[in-house]
Amino acid sequence: MTDRLSRAALVAVLAVLGFVVPAPAAVAATAATSCYGGAVTVHYGEVRDFGPYVTTSRCTDINMRMTGGDADFGWACVQFARAGGCNYWTKIGRSWTTIATDVLNGTKFTVPNGVDLEGSSATFQIAF
């Protein structure tokens, strides 16, 4: 018990002084398996549709962001295998953007790649 109090007091003093205290290994492991930690990287123009993918328990939504290329933004929708058509078109920039919400685990989907970019190249990440 005394060791825990000593560590807690030391961490508090260091935090007050502005030092960064690394997170415990358990917290770092959790972050690695988070929604964004399982993202896949895709390149615009390499395929007609990104996927197919199957949603996981890491995310309740399907998220996407642009990570490279000279485009300012792109457009994305989610095409669910059961529905056949796109849900709705969403503008995708450099920040994570939700392209489908409240998606059940085990749902098969693709992200069509048929819309022109506002630029000539782009790399995206999709988290699901």
Protein backbone atom coordinates (compact mmCIF):
# COMPACT_ATOMS: atom_id res chain seq x y z
CA MET A 1 0.00 0.00 0.00
CA THR A 2 2.83 2.40 0.84
CA ASP A 3 4.50 1.78 -2.53
CA ARG A 4 1.27 2.66 -4.36
CA LEU A 5 0.90 5.88 -2.39
CA SER A 6 4.54 6.77 -3.03
CA ARG A 7 4.13 6.17 -6.77
CA ALA A 8 0.89 8.14 -6.87
CA ALA A 9 2.51 11.04 -5.02
CA LEU A 10 5.52 10.99 -7.37
CA VAL A 11 3.27 10.95 -10.45
CA ALA A 12 1.25 13.88 -9.03
CA VAL A 13 4.40 15.93 -8.33
CA LEU A 14 5.81 15.23 -11.80
CA ALA A 15 2.49 16.15 -13.43
CA VAL A 16 2.39 19.46 -11.52
CA LEU A 17 5.93 20.19 -12.69
CA GLY A 18 4.88 19.52 -16.30
CA PHE A 19 6.57 16.18 -16.83
CA VAL A 20 4.81 13.60 -18.97
CA VAL A 21 4.36 10.24 -17.29
CA PRO A 22 4.04 7.33 -19.75
CA ALA A 23 0.80 5.35 -19.66
CA PRO A 24 0.88 1.83 -18.27
CA ALA A 25 1.35 -0.98 -20.81
CA ALA A 26 -2.31 -2.03 -20.46
CA VAL A 27 -3.48 1.39 -21.66
CA ALA A 28 -1.10 1.31 -24.63
CA ALA A 29 -2.34 -2.16 -25.61
CA THR A 30 -5.94 -0.96 -25.50
CA ALA A 31 -5.14 1.97 -27.80
CA ALA A 32 -3.50 -0.38 -30.32
CA THR A 33 -6.71 -2.39 -30.63
CA SER A 34 -9.00 0.63 -30.75
CA CYS A 35 -11.28 1.42 -33.66
CA TYR A 36 -8.63 3.44 -35.50
CA GLY A 37 -5.86 1.02 -34.51
CA GLY A 38 -7.37 -1.57 -36.84
CA ALA A 39 -7.72 0.76 -39.86
CA VAL A 40 -6.84 -0.46 -43.35
CA THR A 41 -4.98 1.73 -45.85
CA VAL A 42 -6.28 2.04 -49.41
CA HIS A 43 -5.16 3.98 -52.48
CA TYR A 44 -7.58 5.79 -54.75
CA GLY A 45 -7.65 4.46 -58.30
CA GLU A 46 -6.14 1.01 -57.60
CA VAL A 47 -9.50 -0.79 -57.50
CA ARG A 48 -13.11 -0.07 -58.41
CA ASP A 49 -14.36 -0.57 -54.82
CA PHE A 50 -12.46 -0.67 -51.53
CA GLY A 51 -13.29 -3.96 -49.86
CA PRO A 52 -15.14 -6.13 -49.32
CA TYR A 53 -14.77 -5.73 -45.57
CA VAL A 54 -16.65 -7.15 -42.59
CA THR A 55 -17.29 -4.92 -39.57
CA THR A 56 -15.72 -5.82 -36.24
CA SER A 57 -16.39 -5.19 -32.57
CA ARG A 58 -13.66 -2.50 -32.55
CA CYS A 59 -16.03 0.14 -33.99
CA THR A 60 -19.74 0.80 -33.95
CA ASP A 61 -19.37 3.08 -36.98
CA ILE A 62 -17.41 2.96 -40.23
CA ASN A 63 -14.88 5.80 -40.35
CA MET A 64 -12.59 7.11 -43.06
CA ARG A 65 -9.89 9.75 -43.51
CA MET A 66 -7.41 10.88 -46.15
CA THR A 67 -3.77 10.34 -45.15
CA GLY A 68 -1.83 11.21 -48.29
CA GLY A 69 -1.85 12.42 -51.86
CA ASP A 70 -2.42 15.82 -53.43
CA ALA A 71 -6.24 15.86 -53.30
CA ASP A 72 -7.93 18.33 -50.97
CA PHE A 73 -10.75 15.89 -50.27
CA GLY A 74 -12.66 12.92 -51.66
CA TRP A 75 -16.17 11.50 -51.41
CA ALA A 76 -17.22 8.17 -49.91
CA CYS A 77 -20.32 6.12 -49.25
CA VAL A 78 -20.84 2.65 -47.80
CA GLN A 79 -22.44 -0.03 -49.92
CA PHE A 80 -23.81 -2.79 -47.70
CA ALA A 81 -23.93 -6.26 -49.25
CA ARG A 82 -27.57 -6.78 -48.25
CA ALA A 83 -28.83 -3.36 -49.38
CA GLY A 84 -26.96 -3.17 -52.69
CA GLY A 85 -26.81 0.65 -52.97
CA CYS A 86 -24.86 3.40 -51.25
CA ASN A 87 -26.10 4.79 -47.96
CA TYR A 88 -25.18 8.49 -48.54
CA TRP A 89 -22.16 10.40 -49.87
CA THR A 90 -19.83 12.02 -47.36
CA LYS A 91 -16.98 14.47 -47.95
CA ILE A 92 -13.70 12.98 -46.67
CA GLY A 93 -10.78 15.16 -45.60
CA ARG A 94 -7.73 14.69 -43.38
CA SER A 95 -9.71 14.08 -40.16
CA TRP A 96 -11.62 10.92 -39.25
CA THR A 97 -15.15 11.15 -40.64
CA THR A 98 -18.03 8.76 -39.99
CA ILE A 99 -19.40 7.32 -43.24
CA ALA A 100 -21.91 4.89 -41.64
CA THR A 101 -23.29 4.83 -38.09
CA ASP A 102 -24.48 2.08 -35.73
CA VAL A 103 -23.36 -0.80 -37.96
CA LEU A 104 -23.80 -4.32 -36.58
CA ASN A 105 -20.74 -6.55 -36.11
CA GLY A 106 -20.23 -8.96 -38.99
CA THR A 107 -21.81 -6.70 -41.62
CA LYS A 108 -20.22 -7.05 -45.08
CA PHE A 109 -19.63 -3.81 -47.02
CA THR A 110 -17.59 -2.05 -49.70
CA VAL A 111 -16.68 1.59 -50.23
CA PRO A 112 -17.16 2.51 -53.92
CA ASN A 113 -14.26 4.27 -55.57
CA GLY A 114 -15.99 5.79 -58.58
CA VAL A 115 -16.12 9.48 -57.69
CA ASP A 116 -13.55 11.96 -58.97
CA LEU A 117 -11.23 13.47 -56.38
CA GLU A 118 -10.60 17.15 -55.90
CA GLY A 119 -7.01 16.46 -56.99
CA SER A 120 -5.29 13.55 -58.72
CA SER A 121 -4.21 11.16 -55.97
CA ALA A 122 -5.19 10.12 -52.47
CA THR A 123 -4.50 7.53 -49.82
CA PHE A 124 -7.25 6.78 -47.31
CA GLN A 125 -7.68 4.79 -44.13
CA ILE A 126 -10.93 3.00 -43.31
CA ALA A 127 -11.67 1.92 -39.73
CA PHE A 128 -14.49 -0.51 -38.99
